[in-house]
C-alpha atoms as a PDB file:
ATOM      1  CA  MET A   1      41.498  13.456  65.338  1.00  0.00           C
ATOM      2  CA  ALA A   2      42.750  11.409  62.479  1.00  0.00           C
ATOM      3  CA  ARG A   3      41.182  11.749  59.112  1.00  0.00           C
ATOM      4  CA  LYS A   4      39.712   8.569  57.589  1.00  0.00           C
ATOM      5  CA  LEU A   5      41.140   7.533  54.274  1.00  0.00           C
ATOM      6  CA  GLY A   6      39.104   6.275  51.331  1.00  0.00           C
ATOM      7  CA  TYR A   7      36.508   9.034  51.193  1.00  0.00           C
ATOM      8  CA  ALA A   8      36.156  11.407  48.298  1.00  0.00           C
ATOM      9  CA  ALA A   9      37.881  14.751  48.425  1.00  0.00           C
ATOM     10  CA  SER A  10      34.533  16.374  49.101  1.00  0.00           C
ATOM     11  CA  GLY A  11      34.277  14.549  52.341  1.00  0.00           C
ATOM     12  CA  ARG A  12      31.141  12.608  51.368  1.00  0.00           C
ATOM     13  CA  SER A  13      30.798   8.962  52.140  1.00  0.00           C
ATOM     14  CA  PRO A  14      30.659   6.427  49.220  1.00  0.00           C
ATOM     15  CA  ALA A  15      26.892   6.047  49.728  1.00  0.00           C
ATOM     16  CA  HIS A  16      26.375   9.724  48.904  1.00  0.00           C
ATOM     17  CA  GLN A  17      28.608   9.869  45.833  1.00  0.00           C
ATOM     18  CA  THR A  18      26.913  10.174  42.410  1.00  0.00           C
ATOM     19  CA  ARG A  19      28.365   9.151  39.078  1.00  0.00           C
ATOM     20  CA  SER A  20      28.016  11.621  36.229  1.00  0.00           C
ATOM     21  CA  LEU A  21      27.911  10.705  32.540  1.00  0.00           C
ATOM     22  CA  THR A  22      30.807  11.499  30.286  1.00  0.00           C
ATOM     23  CA  LEU A  23      30.352  13.427  27.075  1.00  0.00           C
ATOM     24  CA  VAL A  24      30.930  10.268  25.040  1.00  0.00           C
ATOM     25  CA  GLU A  25      28.122   8.457  26.874  1.00  0.00           C
ATOM     26  CA  VAL A  26      25.728  11.385  26.327  1.00  0.00           C
ATOM     27  CA  VAL A  27      26.532  11.564  22.606  1.00  0.00           C
ATOM     28  CA  ALA A  28      26.157   7.782  22.215  1.00  0.00           C
ATOM     29  CA  SER A  29      22.791   7.875  24.001  1.00  0.00           C
ATOM     30  CA  LEU A  30      21.524  10.698  21.785  1.00  0.00           C
ATOM     31  CA  ALA A  31      22.692   8.865  18.648  1.00  0.00           C
ATOM     32  CA  LEU A  32      20.861   5.718  19.771  1.00  0.00           C
ATOM     33  CA  LEU A  33      17.712   7.711  20.522  1.00  0.00           C
ATOM     34  CA  GLY A  34      17.915   9.455  17.126  1.00  0.00           C
ATOM     35  CA  GLY A  35      18.328   6.154  15.306  1.00  0.00           C
ATOM     36  CA  THR A  36      15.361   4.668  17.130  1.00  0.00           C
ATOM     37  CA  VAL A  37      13.117   7.643  16.309  1.00  0.00           C
ATOM     38  CA  ALA A  38      14.177   7.567  12.643  1.00  0.00           C
ATOM     39  CA  THR A  39      13.434   3.830  12.436  1.00  0.00           C
ATOM     40  CA  LEU A  40       9.988   4.329  13.953  1.00  0.00           C
ATOM     41  CA  LEU A  41       9.179   7.132  11.497  1.00  0.00           C
ATOM     42  CA  VAL A  42      10.221   5.009   8.509  1.00  0.00           C
ATOM     43  CA  ALA A  43       8.116   2.092   9.784  1.00  0.00           C
ATOM     44  CA  GLN A  44       5.101   4.355  10.274  1.00  0.00           C
ATOM     45  CA  SER A  45       5.502   5.801   6.793  1.00  0.00           C
ATOM     46  CA  GLY A  46       5.600   2.293   5.280  1.00  0.00           C
ATOM     47  CA  ALA A  47       2.527   1.258   7.233  1.00  0.00           C
ATOM     48  CA  LEU A  48       0.592   4.304   6.012  1.00  0.00           C
ATOM     49  CA  GLU A  49       1.578   3.554   2.411  1.00  0.00           C
ATOM     50  CA  GLN A  50       0.393  -0.046   2.774  1.00  0.00           C
ATOM     51  CA  LEU A  51      -2.886   1.174   4.252  1.00  0.00           C
ATOM     52  CA  ARG A  52      -3.457   3.550   1.329  1.00  0.00           C
ATOM     53  CA  ALA A  53      -2.671   0.811  -1.201  1.00  0.00           C
ATOM     54  CA  ALA A  54      -5.095  -1.587   0.527  1.00  0.00           C
ATOM     55  CA  GLN A  55      -7.832   1.058   0.502  1.00  0.00           C
ATOM     56  CA  ASP A  56      -7.197   1.679  -3.220  1.00  0.00           C
ATOM     57  CA  ARG A  57      -7.427  -2.069  -3.981  1.00  0.00           C
ATOM     58  CA  ARG A  58     -10.662  -2.362  -2.012  1.00  0.00           C
ATOM     59  CA  GLU A  59     -12.203   0.594  -3.854  1.00  0.00           C
ATOM     60  CA  ALA A  60     -10.996  -0.746  -7.230  1.00  0.00           C
ATOM     61  CA  GLY A  61     -12.611  -4.106  -6.495  1.00  0.00           C
ATOM     62  CA  ALA A  62     -15.918  -2.475  -5.605  1.00  0.00           C
ATOM     63  CA  LEU A  63     -15.810  -0.356  -8.769  1.00  0.00           C
ATOM     64  CA  ALA A  64     -15.047  -3.396 -10.963  1.00  0.00           C
ATOM     65  CA  ARG A  65     -17.881  -5.428  -9.399  1.00  0.00           C
ATOM     66  CA  GLY A  66     -20.268  -2.538 -10.011  1.00  0.00           C
ATOM     67  CA  LEU A  67     -19.147  -2.293 -13.644  1.00  0.00           C
ATOM     68  CA  LEU A  68     -19.666  -5.991 -14.283  1.00  0.00           C
ATOM     69  CA  GLN A  69     -23.097  -5.880 -12.674  1.00  0.00           C
ATOM     70  CA  ASP A  70     -24.112  -2.870 -14.782  1.00  0.00           C
ATOM     71  CA  TRP A  71     -22.865  -4.530 -17.963  1.00  0.00           C
ATOM     72  CA  ARG A  72     -24.741  -7.746 -17.225  1.00  0.00           C
ATOM     73  CA  LEU A  73     -27.983  -5.903 -16.447  1.00  0.00           C
ATOM     74  CA  ALA A  74     -27.669  -3.875 -19.644  1.00  0.00           C
ATOM     75  CA  GLY A  75     -26.974  -7.006 -21.720  1.00  0.00           C
ATOM     76  CA  GLU A  76     -23.763  -5.492 -23.028  1.00  0.00           C
ATOM     77  CA  ASP A  77     -21.396  -7.573 -25.159  1.00  0.00           C
ATOM     78  CA  LEU A  78     -18.617  -8.215 -22.671  1.00  0.00           C
ATOM     79  CA  THR A  79     -16.273  -9.572 -25.317  1.00  0.00           C
ATOM     80  CA  ALA A  80     -15.957  -6.166 -26.976  1.00  0.00           C
ATOM     81  CA  PRO A  81     -12.979  -4.061 -25.877  1.00  0.00           C
ATOM     82  CA  ALA A  82     -13.956  -0.767 -24.241  1.00  0.00           C
ATOM     83  CA  GLU A  83     -12.708   1.863 -21.847  1.00  0.00           C
ATOM     84  CA  GLY A  84     -14.163   4.624 -19.781  1.00  0.00           C
ATOM     85  CA  ALA A  85     -14.179   6.496 -16.493  1.00  0.00           C
ATOM     86  CA  TRP A  86     -16.498   7.152 -13.589  1.00  0.00           C
ATOM     87  CA  SER A  87     -18.076  10.583 -13.574  1.00  0.00           C
ATOM     88  CA  ASP A  88     -18.198  10.726  -9.777  1.00  0.00           C
ATOM     89  CA  ARG A  89     -14.566   9.552  -9.358  1.00  0.00           C
ATOM     90  CA  PRO A  90     -12.374  11.519 -11.787  1.00  0.00           C
ATOM     91  CA  ALA A  91      -9.121   9.855 -10.670  1.00  0.00           C
ATOM     92  CA  TRP A  92     -10.405   6.375 -11.591  1.00  0.00           C
ATOM     93  CA  SER A  93     -10.814   4.835 -15.053  1.00  0.00           C
ATOM     94  CA  TRP A  94     -11.268   1.361 -16.503  1.00  0.00           C
ATOM     95  CA  ARG A  95     -10.514  -0.636 -19.617  1.00  0.00           C
ATOM     96  CA  ARG A  96     -11.926  -3.941 -20.803  1.00  0.00           C
ATOM     97  CA  LEU A  97      -9.932  -6.106 -23.166  1.00  0.00           C
ATOM     98  CA  VAL A  98      -9.871  -9.617 -24.524  1.00  0.00           C
ATOM     99  CA  VAL A  99      -6.709 -11.435 -23.509  1.00  0.00           C
ATOM    100  CA  GLY A 100      -7.334 -14.905 -24.955  1.00  0.00           C
ATOM    101  CA  GLU A 101      -9.702 -17.477 -26.444  1.00  0.00           C
ATOM    102  CA  CYS A 102     -10.227 -21.169 -25.875  1.00  0.00           C
ATOM    103  CA  GLY A 103     -12.604 -23.901 -26.960  1.00  0.00           C
ATOM    104  CA  ARG A 104     -13.908 -25.034 -30.352  1.00  0.00           C
ATOM    105  CA  ASP A 105     -16.869 -24.363 -32.585  1.00  0.00           C
ATOM    106  CA  LYS A 106     -19.968 -23.472 -30.550  1.00  0.00           C
ATOM    107  CA  ALA A 107     -18.260 -23.849 -27.158  1.00  0.00           C
ATOM    108  CA  ARG A 108     -15.775 -21.023 -27.587  1.00  0.00           C
ATOM    109  CA  LEU A 109     -14.848 -18.961 -24.572  1.00  0.00           C
ATOM    110  CA  VAL A 110     -13.103 -15.622 -24.401  1.00  0.00           C
ATOM    111  CA  GLN A 111     -10.926 -14.541 -21.509  1.00  0.00           C
ATOM    112  CA  VAL A 112     -11.942 -10.986 -20.661  1.00  0.00           C
ATOM    113  CA  ARG A 113      -9.977  -8.655 -18.383  1.00  0.00           C
ATOM    114  CA  VAL A 114     -11.128  -5.487 -16.677  1.00  0.00           C
ATOM    115  CA  GLU A 115      -8.379  -3.239 -15.404  1.00  0.00           C
ATOM    116  CA  VAL A 116      -9.166  -0.486 -12.916  1.00  0.00           C
ATOM    117  CA  VAL A 117      -6.669   2.367 -13.182  1.00  0.00           C
ATOM    118  CA  HIS A 118      -5.964   5.148 -10.691  1.00  0.00           C
ATOM    119  CA  THR A 119      -4.355   8.395 -11.815  1.00  0.00           C
ATOM    120  CA  ALA A 120      -3.011  10.562  -8.998  1.00  0.00           C
ATOM    121  CA  VAL A 121      -1.626  14.079  -9.325  1.00  0.00           C
ATOM    122  CA  HIS A 122       2.034  14.094 -10.374  1.00  0.00           C
ATOM    123  CA  GLU A 123       2.097  10.294 -10.729  1.00  0.00           C
ATOM    124  CA  PRO A 124       1.780   8.055 -13.780  1.00  0.00           C
ATOM    125  CA  PRO A 125      -1.449   6.041 -14.076  1.00  0.00           C
ATOM    126  CA  ARG A 126      -1.243   2.707 -12.278  1.00  0.00           C
ATOM    127  CA  THR A 127      -3.396  -0.366 -12.584  1.00  0.00           C
ATOM    128  CA  VAL A 128      -4.733  -1.013  -9.091  1.00  0.00           C
ATOM    129  CA  ALA A 129      -6.754  -4.128  -9.899  1.00  0.00           C
ATOM    130  CA  ALA A 130      -7.230  -6.482 -12.832  1.00  0.00           C
ATOM    131  CA  TYR A 131     -10.021  -9.065 -12.957  1.00  0.00           C
ATOM    132  CA  ASP A 132     -10.206 -11.889 -15.485  1.00  0.00           C
ATOM    133  CA  TRP A 133     -13.153 -14.138 -16.302  1.00  0.00           C
ATOM    134  CA  LEU A 134     -14.335 -16.404 -19.093  1.00  0.00           C
ATOM    135  CA  GLU A 135     -17.218 -15.271 -21.248  1.00  0.00           C
ATOM    136  CA  PRO A 136     -19.013 -17.279 -23.967  1.00  0.00           C
ATOM    137  CA  LEU A 137     -18.158 -15.946 -27.405  1.00  0.00           C
ATOM    138  CA  ARG A 138     -21.184 -14.594 -29.244  1.00  0.00           C
ATOM    139  CA  ILE A 139     -21.209 -16.072 -32.714  1.00  0.00           C
ATOM    140  CA  GLU A 140     -23.080 -13.994 -35.278  1.00  0.00           C
ATOM    141  CA  ARG A 141     -25.066 -16.044 -37.792  1.00  0.00           C
END
């Protein structure tokens, strides 16, 4: 019986032959997978940092609104510079300063700024939020 030509040396038909990957293809696939995983980890890290910053800004805004409300209820002179901290939030502090004036005579306004500052461990203090508003200047007679 004559042997058919065109089959693999193993005697299998072309339908049963499998193709194996070369070492170069395996290394390239692993490099691609590694790059993809690294990119995903960097993206996740950035997203977590943005989330933390947004939470800090939201908390700073709530703290500043509470301060302003307390000052108004107490009848405090809001045009006087001051600074302080919250006893229940030791990492947070605030400062109030006058950044400008406008108007004439009896209609003078002062631009007041409240800065809410967060101090984390091993990091320099950073201003998370700053709120400006105009306040009538109290003229002493």
